[in-house]
PDB file of all heavy atoms in Angstrom:
ATOM      1  N   PHE A   1      -1.462   3.106 -34.472  1.00  0.00           N
ATOM      2  CA  PHE A   1      -1.364   2.666 -33.089  1.00  0.00           C
ATOM      3  C   PHE A   1      -0.116   1.819 -32.897  1.00  0.00           C
ATOM      4  O   PHE A   1       0.378   1.180 -33.820  1.00  0.00           O
ATOM      5  CB  PHE A   1      -2.590   1.840 -32.691  1.00  0.00           C
ATOM      6  CG  PHE A   1      -3.892   2.578 -32.833  1.00  0.00           C
ATOM      7  CD1 PHE A   1      -4.637   2.491 -34.004  1.00  0.00           C
ATOM      8  CD2 PHE A   1      -4.382   3.366 -31.802  1.00  0.00           C
ATOM      9  CE1 PHE A   1      -5.831   3.163 -34.144  1.00  0.00           C
ATOM     10  CE2 PHE A   1      -5.578   4.047 -31.928  1.00  0.00           C
ATOM     11  CZ  PHE A   1      -6.309   3.944 -33.099  1.00  0.00           C
ATOM     12  N   MET A   2       0.343   1.789 -31.639  1.00  0.00           N
ATOM     13  CA  MET A   2       1.499   0.982 -31.285  1.00  0.00           C
ATOM     14  C   MET A   2       1.232   0.323 -29.938  1.00  0.00           C
ATOM     15  O   MET A   2       0.635   0.929 -29.040  1.00  0.00           O
ATOM     16  CB  MET A   2       2.752   1.863 -31.196  1.00  0.00           C
ATOM     17  CG  MET A   2       4.021   1.107 -30.810  1.00  0.00           C
ATOM     18  SD  MET A   2       5.489   2.189 -30.849  1.00  0.00           S
ATOM     19  CE  MET A   2       5.188   3.175 -29.363  1.00  0.00           C
ATOM     20  N   ARG A   3       1.630  -0.944 -29.831  1.00  0.00           N
ATOM     21  CA  ARG A   3       1.549  -1.618 -28.525  1.00  0.00           C
ATOM     22  C   ARG A   3       2.458  -0.885 -27.567  1.00  0.00           C
ATOM     23  O   ARG A   3       3.621  -0.660 -27.844  1.00  0.00           O
ATOM     24  CB  ARG A   3       1.991  -3.083 -28.664  1.00  0.00           C
ATOM     25  CG  ARG A   3       2.123  -3.842 -27.333  1.00  0.00           C
ATOM     26  CD  ARG A   3       0.780  -4.015 -26.653  1.00  0.00           C
ATOM     27  NE  ARG A   3       0.864  -4.904 -25.501  1.00  0.00           N
ATOM     28  CZ  ARG A   3       1.038  -4.498 -24.239  1.00  0.00           C
ATOM     29  NH1 ARG A   3       1.144  -3.211 -23.966  1.00  0.00           N
ATOM     30  NH2 ARG A   3       1.081  -5.365 -23.254  1.00  0.00           N
ATOM     31  N   ARG A   4       1.894  -0.485 -26.439  1.00  0.00           N
ATOM     32  CA  ARG A   4       2.651   0.303 -25.481  1.00  0.00           C
ATOM     33  C   ARG A   4       3.864  -0.486 -24.999  1.00  0.00           C
ATOM     34  O   ARG A   4       3.742  -1.644 -24.591  1.00  0.00           O
ATOM     35  CB  ARG A   4       1.763   0.656 -24.295  1.00  0.00           C
ATOM     36  CG  ARG A   4       2.422   1.550 -23.263  1.00  0.00           C
ATOM     37  CD  ARG A   4       1.415   1.963 -22.220  1.00  0.00           C
ATOM     38  NE  ARG A   4       2.015   2.751 -21.171  1.00  0.00           N
ATOM     39  CZ  ARG A   4       1.337   3.273 -20.155  1.00  0.00           C
ATOM     40  NH1 ARG A   4       0.024   3.093 -20.097  1.00  0.00           N
ATOM     41  NH2 ARG A   4       1.942   3.972 -19.227  1.00  0.00           N
ATOM     42  N   PRO A   5       5.042   0.119 -25.019  1.00  0.00           N
ATOM     43  CA  PRO A   5       6.242  -0.591 -24.533  1.00  0.00           C
ATOM     44  C   PRO A   5       6.112  -0.912 -23.048  1.00  0.00           C
ATOM     45  O   PRO A   5       5.471  -0.177 -22.291  1.00  0.00           O
ATOM     46  CB  PRO A   5       7.377   0.412 -24.776  1.00  0.00           C
ATOM     47  CG  PRO A   5       6.857   1.346 -25.824  1.00  0.00           C
ATOM     48  CD  PRO A   5       5.368   1.446 -25.567  1.00  0.00           C
ATOM     49  N   LEU A   6       6.716  -2.021 -22.645  1.00  0.00           N
ATOM     50  CA  LEU A   6       6.768  -2.368 -21.233  1.00  0.00           C
ATOM     51  C   LEU A   6       8.042  -1.758 -20.662  1.00  0.00           C
ATOM     52  O   LEU A   6       9.143  -2.052 -21.130  1.00  0.00           O
ATOM     53  CB  LEU A   6       6.780  -3.893 -21.059  1.00  0.00           C
ATOM     54  CG  LEU A   6       5.510  -4.627 -21.477  1.00  0.00           C
ATOM     55  CD1 LEU A   6       5.703  -6.134 -21.365  1.00  0.00           C
ATOM     56  CD2 LEU A   6       4.321  -4.182 -20.651  1.00  0.00           C
ATOM     57  N   ASP A   7       7.899  -0.907 -19.688  1.00  0.00           N
ATOM     58  CA  ASP A   7       9.028  -0.176 -19.132  1.00  0.00           C
ATOM     59  C   ASP A   7       9.047  -0.366 -17.616  1.00  0.00           C
ATOM     60  O   ASP A   7       8.121   0.074 -16.922  1.00  0.00           O
ATOM     61  CB  ASP A   7       8.905   1.306 -19.488  1.00  0.00           C
ATOM     62  CG  ASP A   7      10.140   2.102 -19.094  1.00  0.00           C
ATOM     63  OD1 ASP A   7      10.459   2.122 -17.890  1.00  0.00           O
ATOM     64  OD2 ASP A   7      10.773   2.701 -19.977  1.00  0.00           O
ATOM     65  N   VAL A   8      10.075  -1.026 -17.120  1.00  0.00           N
ATOM     66  CA  VAL A   8      10.149  -1.318 -15.692  1.00  0.00           C
ATOM     67  C   VAL A   8      10.214  -0.035 -14.876  1.00  0.00           C
ATOM     68  O   VAL A   8       9.518   0.112 -13.867  1.00  0.00           O
ATOM     69  CB  VAL A   8      11.360  -2.222 -15.380  1.00  0.00           C
ATOM     70  CG1 VAL A   8      11.520  -2.400 -13.868  1.00  0.00           C
ATOM     71  CG2 VAL A   8      11.191  -3.580 -16.051  1.00  0.00           C
ATOM     72  N   GLN A   9      11.040   0.936 -15.294  1.00  0.00           N
ATOM     73  CA  GLN A   9      11.187   2.165 -14.514  1.00  0.00           C
ATOM     74  C   GLN A   9       9.888   2.963 -14.484  1.00  0.00           C
ATOM     75  O   GLN A   9       9.522   3.535 -13.453  1.00  0.00           O
ATOM     76  CB  GLN A   9      12.315   3.033 -15.087  1.00  0.00           C
ATOM     77  CG  GLN A   9      12.639   4.255 -14.225  1.00  0.00           C
ATOM     78  CD  GLN A   9      12.998   3.869 -12.792  1.00  0.00           C
ATOM     79  OE1 GLN A   9      13.865   3.027 -12.567  1.00  0.00           O
ATOM     80  NE2 GLN A   9      12.316   4.465 -11.812  1.00  0.00           N
ATOM     81  N   GLU A  10       9.179   3.006 -15.608  1.00  0.00           N
ATOM     82  CA  GLU A  10       7.891   3.704 -15.625  1.00  0.00           C
ATOM     83  C   GLU A  10       6.927   3.051 -14.639  1.00  0.00           C
ATOM     84  O   GLU A  10       6.177   3.738 -13.931  1.00  0.00           O
ATOM     85  CB  GLU A  10       7.295   3.701 -17.029  1.00  0.00           C
ATOM     86  CG  GLU A  10       5.948   4.414 -17.107  1.00  0.00           C
ATOM     87  CD  GLU A  10       5.275   4.272 -18.463  1.00  0.00           C
ATOM     88  OE1 GLU A  10       5.585   3.307 -19.188  1.00  0.00           O
ATOM     89  OE2 GLU A  10       4.433   5.122 -18.787  1.00  0.00           O
ATOM     90  N   THR A  11       6.942   1.727 -14.592  1.00  0.00           N
ATOM     91  CA  THR A  11       6.087   1.010 -13.655  1.00  0.00           C
ATOM     92  C   THR A  11       6.415   1.379 -12.218  1.00  0.00           C
ATOM     93  O   THR A  11       5.525   1.657 -11.404  1.00  0.00           O
ATOM     94  CB  THR A  11       6.262  -0.510 -13.846  1.00  0.00           C
ATOM     95  OG1 THR A  11       5.853  -0.869 -15.166  1.00  0.00           O
ATOM     96  CG2 THR A  11       5.429  -1.291 -12.835  1.00  0.00           C
ATOM     97  N   LEU A  12       7.695   1.414 -11.892  1.00  0.00           N
ATOM     98  CA  LEU A  12       8.115   1.766 -10.542  1.00  0.00           C
ATOM     99  C   LEU A  12       7.694   3.193 -10.199  1.00  0.00           C
ATOM    100  O   LEU A  12       7.235   3.475  -9.089  1.00  0.00           O
ATOM    101  CB  LEU A  12       9.630   1.613 -10.402  1.00  0.00           C
ATOM    102  CG  LEU A  12      10.174   0.188 -10.587  1.00  0.00           C
ATOM    103  CD1 LEU A  12      11.694   0.194 -10.509  1.00  0.00           C
ATOM    104  CD2 LEU A  12       9.594  -0.771  -9.548  1.00  0.00           C
ATOM    105  N   ASP A  13       7.841   4.106 -11.162  1.00  0.00           N
ATOM    106  CA  ASP A  13       7.460   5.506 -10.935  1.00  0.00           C
ATOM    107  C   ASP A  13       5.962   5.642 -10.692  1.00  0.00           C
ATOM    108  O   ASP A  13       5.517   6.368  -9.785  1.00  0.00           O
ATOM    109  CB  ASP A  13       7.866   6.366 -12.134  1.00  0.00           C
ATOM    110  CG  ASP A  13       9.370   6.536 -12.263  1.00  0.00           C
ATOM    111  OD1 ASP A  13      10.091   6.205 -11.298  1.00  0.00           O
ATOM    112  OD2 ASP A  13       9.828   6.981 -13.327  1.00  0.00           O
ATOM    113  N   LEU A  14       5.164   4.960 -11.512  1.00  0.00           N
ATOM    114  CA  LEU A  14       3.711   5.054 -11.384  1.00  0.00           C
ATOM    115  C   LEU A  14       3.243   4.505 -10.035  1.00  0.00           C
ATOM    116  O   LEU A  14       2.373   5.100  -9.369  1.00  0.00           O
ATOM    117  CB  LEU A  14       3.024   4.302 -12.519  1.00  0.00           C
ATOM    118  CG  LEU A  14       3.050   4.973 -13.900  1.00  0.00           C
ATOM    119  CD1 LEU A  14       2.595   4.003 -14.972  1.00  0.00           C
ATOM    120  CD2 LEU A  14       2.156   6.216 -13.902  1.00  0.00           C
ATOM    121  N   TYR A  15       3.812   3.390  -9.623  1.00  0.00           N
ATOM    122  CA  TYR A  15       3.392   2.801  -8.355  1.00  0.00           C
ATOM    123  C   TYR A  15       3.905   3.597  -7.163  1.00  0.00           C
ATOM    124  O   TYR A  15       3.257   3.638  -6.116  1.00  0.00           O
ATOM    125  CB  TYR A  15       3.813   1.322  -8.281  1.00  0.00           C
ATOM    126  CG  TYR A  15       2.757   0.416  -8.857  1.00  0.00           C
ATOM    127  CD1 TYR A  15       2.593   0.290 -10.228  1.00  0.00           C
ATOM    128  CD2 TYR A  15       1.878  -0.273  -8.032  1.00  0.00           C
ATOM    129  CE1 TYR A  15       1.596  -0.503 -10.767  1.00  0.00           C
ATOM    130  CE2 TYR A  15       0.880  -1.076  -8.549  1.00  0.00           C
ATOM    131  CZ  TYR A  15       0.744  -1.190  -9.923  1.00  0.00           C
ATOM    132  OH  TYR A  15      -0.257  -1.968 -10.436  1.00  0.00           O
ATOM    133  N   GLU A  16       5.048   4.243  -7.318  1.00  0.00           N
ATOM    134  CA  GLU A  16       5.526   5.137  -6.262  1.00  0.00           C
ATOM    135  C   GLU A  16       4.553   6.303  -6.078  1.00  0.00           C
ATOM    136  O   GLU A  16       4.238   6.697  -4.946  1.00  0.00           O
ATOM    137  CB  GLU A  16       6.921   5.649  -6.618  1.00  0.00           C
ATOM    138  CG  GLU A  16       7.627   6.393  -5.506  1.00  0.00           C
ATOM    139  CD  GLU A  16       9.058   6.726  -5.874  1.00  0.00           C
ATOM    140  OE1 GLU A  16       9.272   7.698  -6.626  1.00  0.00           O
ATOM    141  OE2 GLU A  16       9.962   5.998  -5.436  1.00  0.00           O
ATOM    142  N   ALA A  17       4.083   6.850  -7.192  1.00  0.00           N
ATOM    143  CA  ALA A  17       3.102   7.931  -7.128  1.00  0.00           C
ATOM    144  C   ALA A  17       1.790   7.433  -6.534  1.00  0.00           C
ATOM    145  O   ALA A  17       1.144   8.130  -5.737  1.00  0.00           O
ATOM    146  CB  ALA A  17       2.865   8.505  -8.530  1.00  0.00           C
ATOM    147  N   ARG A  18       1.402   6.225  -6.895  1.00  0.00           N
ATOM    148  CA  ARG A  18       0.158   5.662  -6.364  1.00  0.00           C
ATOM    149  C   ARG A  18       0.241   5.494  -4.852  1.00  0.00           C
ATOM    150  O   ARG A  18      -0.727   5.801  -4.128  1.00  0.00           O
ATOM    151  CB  ARG A  18      -0.124   4.310  -7.031  1.00  0.00           C
ATOM    152  CG  ARG A  18      -1.409   3.664  -6.535  1.00  0.00           C
ATOM    153  CD  ARG A  18      -1.586   2.267  -7.074  1.00  0.00           C
ATOM    154  NE  ARG A  18      -2.645   1.589  -6.347  1.00  0.00           N
ATOM    155  CZ  ARG A  18      -2.857   0.265  -6.371  1.00  0.00           C
ATOM    156  NH1 ARG A  18      -2.085  -0.510  -7.113  1.00  0.00           N
ATOM    157  NH2 ARG A  18      -3.825  -0.270  -5.675  1.00  0.00           N
ATOM    158  N   VAL A  19       1.380   5.015  -4.346  1.00  0.00           N
ATOM    159  CA  VAL A  19       1.550   4.864  -2.900  1.00  0.00           C
ATOM    160  C   VAL A  19       1.370   6.208  -2.212  1.00  0.00           C
ATOM    161  O   VAL A  19       0.676   6.316  -1.190  1.00  0.00           O
ATOM    162  CB  VAL A  19       2.936   4.270  -2.570  1.00  0.00           C
ATOM    163  CG1 VAL A  19       3.216   4.392  -1.067  1.00  0.00           C
ATOM    164  CG2 VAL A  19       3.003   2.806  -2.981  1.00  0.00           C
ATOM    165  N   ALA A  20       1.977   7.252  -2.770  1.00  0.00           N
ATOM    166  CA  ALA A  20       1.896   8.582  -2.151  1.00  0.00           C
ATOM    167  C   ALA A  20       0.448   9.079  -2.091  1.00  0.00           C
ATOM    168  O   ALA A  20      -0.007   9.590  -1.060  1.00  0.00           O
ATOM    169  CB  ALA A  20       2.765   9.566  -2.928  1.00  0.00           C
ATOM    170  N   VAL A  21      -0.280   8.932  -3.201  1.00  0.00           N
ATOM    171  CA  VAL A  21      -1.662   9.408  -3.252  1.00  0.00           C
ATOM    172  C   VAL A  21      -2.557   8.590  -2.322  1.00  0.00           C
ATOM    173  O   VAL A  21      -3.360   9.144  -1.558  1.00  0.00           O
ATOM    174  CB  VAL A  21      -2.198   9.351  -4.701  1.00  0.00           C
ATOM    175  CG1 VAL A  21      -3.697   9.627  -4.733  1.00  0.00           C
ATOM    176  CG2 VAL A  21      -1.466  10.359  -5.576  1.00  0.00           C
ATOM    177  N   GLU A  22      -2.416   7.266  -2.352  1.00  0.00           N
ATOM    178  CA  GLU A  22      -3.298   6.434  -1.536  1.00  0.00           C
ATOM    179  C   GLU A  22      -2.983   6.552  -0.044  1.00  0.00           C
ATOM    180  O   GLU A  22      -3.877   6.420   0.806  1.00  0.00           O
ATOM    181  CB  GLU A  22      -3.239   4.980  -2.008  1.00  0.00           C
ATOM    182  CG  GLU A  22      -3.854   4.771  -3.391  1.00  0.00           C
ATOM    183  CD  GLU A  22      -4.534   3.434  -3.536  1.00  0.00           C
ATOM    184  OE1 GLU A  22      -5.210   2.989  -2.583  1.00  0.00           O
ATOM    185  OE2 GLU A  22      -4.382   2.831  -4.613  1.00  0.00           O
ATOM    186  N   ARG A  23      -1.729   6.784   0.292  1.00  0.00           N
ATOM    187  CA  ARG A  23      -1.413   7.021   1.705  1.00  0.00           C
ATOM    188  C   ARG A  23      -2.130   8.260   2.236  1.00  0.00           C
ATOM    189  O   ARG A  23      -2.670   8.253   3.346  1.00  0.00           O
ATOM    190  CB  ARG A  23       0.102   7.196   1.875  1.00  0.00           C
ATOM    191  CG  ARG A  23       0.891   5.911   2.060  1.00  0.00           C
ATOM    192  CD  ARG A  23       2.360   6.249   2.184  1.00  0.00           C
ATOM    193  NE  ARG A  23       3.164   5.065   2.403  1.00  0.00           N
ATOM    194  CZ  ARG A  23       4.495   5.046   2.280  1.00  0.00           C
ATOM    195  NH1 ARG A  23       5.135   6.161   1.929  1.00  0.00           N
ATOM    196  NH2 ARG A  23       5.172   3.943   2.498  1.00  0.00           N
ATOM    197  N   GLU A  24      -2.119   9.323   1.432  1.00  0.00           N
ATOM    198  CA  GLU A  24      -2.787  10.546   1.866  1.00  0.00           C
ATOM    199  C   GLU A  24      -4.299  10.338   1.925  1.00  0.00           C
ATOM    200  O   GLU A  24      -4.967  10.831   2.849  1.00  0.00           O
ATOM    201  CB  GLU A  24      -2.448  11.705   0.929  1.00  0.00           C
ATOM    202  CG  GLU A  24      -3.032  13.049   1.337  1.00  0.00           C
ATOM    203  CD  GLU A  24      -2.554  13.523   2.704  1.00  0.00           C
ATOM    204  OE1 GLU A  24      -1.553  12.976   3.228  1.00  0.00           O
ATOM    205  OE2 GLU A  24      -3.182  14.444   3.266  1.00  0.00           O
ATOM    206  N   CYS A  25      -4.847   9.613   0.965  1.00  0.00           N
ATOM    207  CA  CYS A  25      -6.277   9.285   1.014  1.00  0.00           C
ATOM    208  C   CYS A  25      -6.596   8.521   2.295  1.00  0.00           C
ATOM    209  O   CYS A  25      -7.603   8.790   2.974  1.00  0.00           O
ATOM    210  CB  CYS A  25      -6.669   8.440  -0.197  1.00  0.00           C
ATOM    211  SG  CYS A  25      -6.775   9.340  -1.753  1.00  0.00           S
ATOM    212  N   LEU A  26      -5.747   7.565   2.627  1.00  0.00           N
ATOM    213  CA  LEU A  26      -5.981   6.751   3.813  1.00  0.00           C
ATOM    214  C   LEU A  26      -5.868   7.590   5.090  1.00  0.00           C
ATOM    215  O   LEU A  26      -6.666   7.425   6.023  1.00  0.00           O
ATOM    216  CB  LEU A  26      -4.976   5.596   3.859  1.00  0.00           C
ATOM    217  CG  LEU A  26      -5.201   4.539   4.939  1.00  0.00           C
ATOM    218  CD1 LEU A  26      -6.507   3.787   4.664  1.00  0.00           C
ATOM    219  CD2 LEU A  26      -4.038   3.560   4.991  1.00  0.00           C
TER     220      LEU A  26
END
């Protein structure tokens, strides 16, 4: 096992995807 790296760009990408999905849900 490895401690998952902290990646700023991955975070931005994931939250961008979350906004898109939750907007459509809303």
